[in-house]
């Protein structure tokens, strides 16, 4: 069992709408409630993940008033022309086995949980609506004393080699053929970066909207469409081989997400010997995923394997059309 993180308490909830023309109208977050009278104290939410050619996976979270929840993955099938999900599942917080049957249509997920033969409980019905969650710092203006690195107007703060990234109509810049790094070096302070992964349901793993944000060019916070998957060090928000996000804060592809990163650079003595490791604290879409963790060294794939007190901010090219916008840095006082 896990502690139940109710994302709606951290995100602002917005009306249902499509962020892009290639949004399929199905994949995303679903929130709502049980409609049965015997469901007091029980919670339900879901994610639907697209995998191409009409295939989807439903990730269902069932919880109780103590904040415990179970997580189950259910593959889709088509029944009478309708996208459907069915599976026998164990709901640990409720202490029983249930059979799920659910259907998704018109941005609504409706279903029933029927108790197993040895489970003393009533059948429970639920209805969830597709929702678009608004990270609290999405579109946040740079605070006083911050250095604007990208505001959608130009790429004057960035070294563009060998190719220029494309500035889009929505104010973002899209990865194009090479990584991009700032002309100047930065160190300790607050970094704000917004990003959006593409919708590529046929792709899998590290080929699914892959990029990265490298502090000082050497410490990577992964950018990847791993919506609907459990946290891992090589998933979105992870630090390769160093740290796994403490919770899942990911939004679906085609939605702008935020990283707010408080970073303390490593310290060195006059002889260049490191006397203190770097540290970082990361909020992903307003939710803490790394809580002031220590970094023993660089992550793979950066511009160097040697640490320093300052370096460029680097946005990684991994051959996927990831977009970035509203990037700024406020030095530590």
Protein backbone atom coordinates (compact mmCIF):
# COMPACT_ATOMS: atom_id res chain seq x y z
CA UNK A 1 0.00 0.00 0.00
CA UNK A 2 1.03 3.58 -0.55
CA UNK A 3 0.18 6.97 0.78
CA UNK A 4 -2.57 8.48 -1.35
CA UNK A 5 -1.50 11.75 -2.97
CA UNK A 6 -4.59 13.70 -3.97
CA UNK A 7 -3.26 15.77 -6.85
CA UNK A 8 -6.34 17.96 -6.96
CA UNK A 9 -5.30 19.57 -3.68
CA UNK A 10 -2.04 20.81 -5.17
CA UNK A 11 -3.10 21.51 -8.73
CA UNK A 12 -5.77 23.96 -9.71
CA UNK A 13 -8.54 22.21 -11.59
CA UNK A 14 -9.49 23.64 -14.98
CA UNK A 15 -12.34 22.90 -17.32
CA UNK A 16 -12.02 20.07 -19.80
CA UNK A 17 -10.53 21.17 -23.11
CA UNK A 18 -8.04 20.08 -25.73
CA UNK A 19 -4.53 21.53 -25.64
CA UNK A 20 -3.58 20.47 -29.17
CA UNK A 21 -5.11 19.25 -32.41
CA UNK A 22 -3.57 15.79 -31.98
CA UNK A 23 -5.09 15.26 -28.53
CA UNK A 24 -7.16 12.07 -28.81
CA UNK A 25 -9.77 13.17 -26.27
CA UNK A 26 -9.21 10.05 -24.15
CA UNK A 27 -5.75 9.95 -22.56
CA UNK A 28 -5.27 11.93 -19.38
CA UNK A 29 -6.31 12.35 -15.75
CA UNK A 30 -9.79 11.41 -14.54
CA UNK A 31 -11.33 12.55 -11.27
CA UNK A 32 -14.73 12.15 -9.68
CA UNK A 33 -16.37 9.98 -7.04
CA UNK A 34 -18.34 6.89 -6.26
CA UNK A 35 -22.06 7.22 -6.88
CA UNK A 36 -23.11 4.31 -4.63
CA UNK A 37 -24.41 5.00 -1.09
CA UNK A 38 -22.06 2.42 0.47
CA UNK A 39 -18.87 4.18 -0.65
CA UNK A 40 -18.36 6.52 2.32
CA UNK A 41 -14.68 7.07 3.00
CA UNK A 42 -13.59 5.49 -0.29
CA UNK A 43 -11.75 7.39 -3.03
CA UNK A 44 -11.20 6.78 -6.72
CA UNK A 45 -9.21 8.46 -9.46
CA UNK A 46 -7.68 7.26 -12.71
CA UNK A 47 -5.25 7.85 -15.54
CA UNK A 48 -5.71 6.60 -19.09
CA UNK A 49 -2.53 6.11 -21.12
CA UNK A 50 -2.52 5.78 -24.92
CA UNK A 51 -0.31 3.18 -26.62
CA UNK A 52 -1.38 3.55 -30.24
CA UNK A 53 -3.66 1.66 -32.63
CA UNK A 54 -6.61 2.05 -30.28
CA UNK A 55 -4.82 0.49 -27.32
CA UNK A 56 -5.04 2.08 -23.87
CA UNK A 57 -4.13 1.24 -20.30
CA UNK A 58 -6.30 2.34 -17.39
CA UNK A 59 -4.38 3.08 -14.19
CA UNK A 60 -6.88 2.94 -11.34
CA UNK A 61 -6.21 4.30 -7.84
CA UNK A 62 -8.59 3.15 -5.09
CA UNK A 63 -8.14 4.54 -1.59
CA UNK A 64 -9.60 4.98 1.86
CA UNK A 65 -9.99 7.75 4.44
CA UNK A 66 -6.56 6.96 5.91
CA UNK A 67 -4.85 7.97 2.68
CA UNK A 68 -3.82 4.44 1.70
CA UNK A 69 -4.42 3.39 -1.90
CA UNK A 70 -3.97 0.54 -4.33
CA UNK A 71 -2.76 0.94 -7.90
CA UNK A 72 -3.85 -1.34 -10.73
CA UNK A 73 -3.22 -1.35 -14.48
CA UNK A 74 -5.97 -2.61 -16.79
CA UNK A 75 -5.56 -2.98 -20.54
CA UNK A 76 -8.37 -1.89 -22.82
CA UNK A 77 -10.58 -3.87 -25.14
CA UNK A 78 -13.44 -2.88 -27.41
CA UNK A 79 -16.86 -4.20 -26.44
CA UNK A 80 -19.86 -3.37 -28.63
CA UNK A 81 -17.89 -0.55 -30.19
CA UNK A 82 -17.02 1.01 -26.83
CA UNK A 83 -13.62 1.37 -25.17
CA UNK A 84 -13.85 -0.93 -22.16
CA UNK A 85 -11.75 -2.19 -19.26
CA UNK A 86 -12.25 -5.27 -17.08
CA UNK A 87 -10.11 -7.12 -14.55
CA UNK A 88 -10.23 -8.84 -11.18
CA UNK A 89 -8.20 -6.78 -8.72
CA UNK A 90 -7.16 -6.87 -5.08
CA UNK A 91 -7.97 -3.63 -3.24
CA UNK A 92 -5.70 -3.83 -0.20
CA UNK A 93 -7.05 -0.73 1.62
CA UNK A 94 -10.52 -2.24 1.49
CA UNK A 95 -9.39 -5.77 2.37
CA UNK A 96 -11.04 -7.59 -0.51
CA UNK A 97 -11.12 -8.69 -4.15
CA UNK A 98 -13.28 -6.94 -6.74
CA UNK A 99 -14.07 -7.29 -10.42
CA UNK A 100 -13.80 -4.02 -12.34
CA UNK A 101 -15.87 -3.26 -15.41
CA UNK A 102 -15.58 0.23 -16.91
CA UNK A 103 -16.19 2.13 -20.13
CA UNK A 104 -14.69 5.36 -21.46
CA UNK A 105 -16.62 7.69 -23.75
CA UNK A 106 -16.97 11.44 -24.28
CA UNK A 107 -14.29 12.24 -21.67
CA UNK A 108 -16.13 10.23 -19.01
CA UNK A 109 -15.01 7.01 -17.32
CA UNK A 110 -17.88 5.10 -15.71
CA UNK A 111 -17.50 1.78 -13.97
CA UNK A 112 -18.51 -0.72 -11.32
CA UNK A 113 -16.53 -2.70 -8.76
CA UNK A 114 -18.28 -5.97 -7.91
CA UNK A 115 -17.08 -7.84 -4.81
CA UNK A 116 -15.56 -11.31 -5.14
CA UNK A 117 -17.18 -14.40 -3.63
CA UNK A 118 -15.18 -14.15 -0.40
CA UNK A 119 -15.46 -10.37 -0.07
CA UNK A 120 -18.20 -9.02 2.15
CA UNK A 121 -19.05 -5.74 0.43
CA UNK A 122 -21.56 -4.08 -1.86
CA UNK A 123 -21.03 -3.31 -5.53
CA UNK A 124 -19.74 0.22 -6.00
CA UNK A 125 -20.29 2.39 -9.06
CA UNK A 126 -18.24 5.46 -9.97
CA UNK A 127 -18.13 8.21 -12.56
CA UNK A 128 -14.99 10.16 -13.38
CA UNK A 129 -14.50 13.10 -15.73
CA UNK A 130 -11.40 13.90 -17.74
CA UNK A 131 -9.70 16.87 -16.10
CA UNK A 132 -6.85 19.22 -16.94
CA UNK A 133 -4.78 20.05 -13.88
CA UNK A 134 -3.14 23.47 -13.65
CA UNK A 135 0.31 23.53 -11.99
CA UNK A 136 0.42 26.47 -9.55
CA UNK A 137 3.54 28.03 -11.13
CA UNK A 138 2.63 27.48 -14.78
CA UNK A 139 3.15 30.80 -16.55
CA UNK A 140 4.61 32.36 -13.40
CA UNK A 141 6.29 35.71 -14.00
CA UNK A 142 9.97 35.96 -13.03
CA UNK A 143 10.34 37.42 -9.52
CA UNK A 144 12.35 40.53 -8.79
CA UNK A 145 16.04 39.87 -9.26
CA UNK A 146 15.53 36.95 -11.65
CA UNK A 147 17.35 36.57 -14.95
CA UNK A 148 15.01 35.83 -17.87
CA UNK A 149 16.55 33.12 -20.05
CA UNK A 150 13.65 32.54 -22.44
CA UNK A 151 10.35 34.41 -22.70
CA UNK A 152 9.22 33.32 -26.16
CA UNK A 153 10.65 36.27 -28.05
CA UNK A 154 14.19 35.25 -28.98
CA UNK A 155 17.08 32.92 -28.20
CA UNK A 156 19.65 35.61 -27.47
CA UNK A 157 20.63 34.00 -24.15
CA UNK A 158 21.44 30.64 -25.74
CA UNK A 159 24.29 29.12 -27.68
CA UNK A 160 22.79 27.67 -30.84
CA UNK A 161 25.03 25.03 -32.35
CA UNK A 162 24.82 23.38 -34.77
CA UNK A 163 21.17 24.23 -35.43
CA UNK A 164 18.72 26.88 -34.27
CA UNK A 165 15.72 25.68 -32.29
CA UNK A 166 12.30 26.74 -33.54
CA UNK A 167 10.20 29.27 -31.64
CA UNK A 168 6.56 28.19 -31.82
CA UNK A 169 3.37 30.22 -31.97
CA UNK A 170 2.53 29.21 -28.39
CA UNK A 171 5.66 30.90 -27.02
CA UNK A 172 7.66 27.72 -26.65
CA UNK A 173 10.84 26.63 -28.35
CA UNK A 174 11.06 23.14 -29.82
CA UNK A 175 14.03 20.79 -29.70
CA UNK A 176 15.63 20.76 -33.13
CA UNK A 177 18.69 18.68 -33.96
CA UNK A 178 21.01 19.59 -31.09
CA UNK A 179 21.11 20.39 -27.40
CA UNK A 180 20.90 24.03 -26.34
CA UNK A 181 22.82 25.72 -23.54
CA UNK A 182 22.98 29.21 -22.09
CA UNK A 183 25.83 31.51 -23.08
CA UNK A 184 26.44 32.40 -19.44
CA UNK A 185 27.13 30.21 -16.45
CA UNK A 186 24.90 30.04 -13.39
CA UNK A 187 25.19 28.45 -9.96
CA UNK A 188 23.12 28.30 -6.79
CA UNK A 189 19.56 29.63 -6.96
CA UNK A 190 16.04 28.96 -8.19
CA UNK A 191 15.54 27.64 -11.73
CA UNK A 192 12.08 27.72 -13.32
CA UNK A 193 11.53 25.68 -16.49
CA UNK A 194 8.30 24.79 -18.29
CA UNK A 195 8.14 21.92 -20.77
CA UNK A 196 5.66 19.93 -22.85
CA UNK A 197 6.17 16.43 -24.20
CA UNK A 198 4.67 15.40 -27.56
CA UNK A 199 1.88 12.86 -27.94
CA UNK A 200 3.57 9.80 -29.48
CA UNK A 201 1.44 6.84 -28.37
CA UNK A 202 3.10 4.31 -30.67
CA UNK A 203 6.52 4.88 -29.10
CA UNK A 204 7.81 3.21 -25.96
CA UNK A 205 10.28 3.81 -23.17
CA UNK A 206 13.04 6.35 -23.71
CA UNK A 207 11.76 7.17 -27.22
CA UNK A 208 8.62 8.76 -25.83
CA UNK A 209 9.19 12.53 -25.60
CA UNK A 210 12.73 12.36 -24.23
CA UNK A 211 14.78 15.39 -23.18
CA UNK A 212 16.43 16.68 -20.03
CA UNK A 213 17.21 19.79 -17.99
CA UNK A 214 20.90 19.88 -17.02
CA UNK A 215 21.84 22.24 -14.20
CA UNK A 216 25.40 23.52 -14.67
CA UNK A 217 25.41 21.29 -17.73
CA UNK A 218 26.07 18.20 -15.57
CA UNK A 219 23.11 17.40 -13.29
CA UNK A 220 20.15 16.13 -15.32
CA UNK A 221 16.51 16.14 -14.30
CA UNK A 222 14.84 13.87 -16.80
CA UNK A 223 12.08 15.02 -19.16
CA UNK A 224 10.07 12.13 -20.59
CA UNK A 225 6.49 11.08 -21.24
CA UNK A 226 6.11 8.43 -18.55
CA UNK A 227 2.56 9.44 -17.70
CA UNK A 228 0.79 6.55 -15.98
CA UNK A 229 3.98 4.75 -14.93
CA UNK A 230 5.40 4.51 -11.39
CA UNK A 231 8.33 6.85 -10.60
CA UNK A 232 11.83 5.67 -11.49
CA UNK A 233 15.26 7.28 -11.76
CA UNK A 234 15.04 7.15 -15.58
CA UNK A 235 11.45 8.41 -15.75
CA UNK A 236 10.28 12.01 -15.82
CA UNK A 237 11.66 13.91 -12.84
CA UNK A 238 14.28 11.27 -12.15
CA UNK A 239 18.02 11.73 -11.77
CA UNK A 240 19.72 8.89 -13.60
CA UNK A 241 21.33 6.39 -11.21
CA UNK A 242 21.02 8.93 -8.37
CA UNK A 243 17.42 9.49 -7.28
CA UNK A 244 13.85 8.41 -7.99
CA UNK A 245 11.05 10.98 -7.57
CA UNK A 246 9.32 10.60 -4.22
CA UNK A 247 5.88 10.67 -5.84
CA UNK A 248 4.19 10.81 -9.23
CA UNK A 249 3.45 14.39 -10.27
CA UNK A 250 3.44 13.93 -14.04
CA UNK A 251 0.87 15.39 -16.42
CA UNK A 252 -0.10 13.82 -19.76
CA UNK A 253 1.63 14.79 -23.01
CA UNK A 254 0.51 18.00 -24.75
CA UNK A 255 0.14 19.79 -21.41
CA UNK A 256 2.65 22.35 -20.13
CA UNK A 257 4.44 21.18 -17.00
CA UNK A 258 6.74 22.96 -14.55
CA UNK A 259 10.01 22.33 -12.78
CA UNK A 260 10.90 24.65 -9.90
CA UNK A 261 14.39 23.69 -8.81
CA UNK A 262 16.20 25.13 -5.81
CA UNK A 263 19.86 24.29 -6.33
CA UNK A 264 22.93 24.60 -4.10
CA UNK A 265 26.17 24.18 -6.01
CA UNK A 266 29.03 22.06 -4.74
CA UNK A 267 31.72 23.92 -2.79
CA UNK A 268 35.49 23.69 -3.23
CA UNK A 269 38.59 24.77 -1.30
CA UNK A 270 41.39 26.89 -2.73
CA UNK A 271 43.12 23.78 -4.07
CA UNK A 272 40.01 22.76 -6.00
CA UNK A 273 39.04 19.90 -3.70
CA UNK A 274 35.32 19.45 -3.16
CA UNK A 275 34.32 20.23 0.42
CA UNK A 276 30.54 19.99 0.05
CA UNK A 277 28.26 18.12 -2.34
CA UNK A 278 25.64 19.87 -4.44
CA UNK A 279 22.02 19.67 -3.29
CA UNK A 280 18.67 20.23 -4.96
CA UNK A 281 14.99 20.50 -4.10
CA UNK A 282 12.56 19.92 -6.98
CA UNK A 283 8.88 20.72 -7.36
CA UNK A 284 7.29 19.06 -10.38
CA UNK A 285 3.98 20.72 -11.18
CA UNK A 286 3.98 22.14 -7.65
CA UNK A 287 4.56 18.78 -5.93
CA UNK A 288 7.83 17.97 -4.14
CA UNK A 289 9.53 15.07 -5.91
CA UNK A 290 13.08 15.57 -4.52
CA UNK A 291 13.33 16.96 -1.00
CA UNK A 292 16.68 18.73 -0.59
CA UNK A 293 18.66 15.70 -1.74
CA UNK A 294 22.45 15.50 -1.92
CA UNK A 295 24.16 14.92 -5.26
CA UNK A 296 27.39 12.93 -4.91
CA UNK A 297 28.39 13.73 -8.48
CA UNK A 298 27.19 14.46 -12.03
CA UNK A 299 24.60 12.39 -13.87
CA UNK A 300 25.50 10.75 -17.21
CA UNK A 301 25.32 12.58 -20.53
CA UNK A 302 26.32 16.08 -19.47
CA UNK A 303 28.98 18.37 -20.87
CA UNK A 304 31.57 17.16 -18.35
CA UNK A 305 32.18 14.57 -15.65
CA UNK A 306 33.89 17.21 -13.51
CA UNK A 307 31.95 19.29 -11.00
CA UNK A 308 32.20 23.05 -10.58
CA UNK A 309 30.46 25.87 -8.73
CA UNK A 310 28.79 27.20 -11.88
CA UNK A 311 27.93 26.19 -15.41
CA UNK A 312 25.37 26.64 -18.20
CA UNK A 313 21.76 25.54 -18.14
CA UNK A 314 21.47 22.90 -20.86
CA UNK A 315 18.34 21.56 -22.53
CA UNK A 316 18.94 18.16 -24.07
CA UNK A 317 18.21 17.03 -27.61
CA UNK A 318 17.14 13.38 -27.72
CA UNK A 319 15.57 13.50 -31.20
CA UNK A 320 12.06 14.14 -29.84
CA UNK A 321 10.05 17.37 -30.41
CA UNK A 322 9.84 18.42 -26.76
CA UNK A 323 9.02 22.10 -26.14
CA UNK A 324 10.28 24.52 -23.49
CA UNK A 325 9.10 27.97 -22.42
CA UNK A 326 9.16 30.53 -19.58
CA UNK A 327 12.68 29.82 -18.35
CA UNK A 328 14.27 32.01 -15.69
CA UNK A 329 16.85 31.88 -12.93
CA UNK A 330 17.00 33.75 -9.63
CA UNK A 331 20.43 33.65 -7.95
CA UNK A 332 20.62 32.63 -4.31
CA UNK A 333 20.84 35.59 -1.97
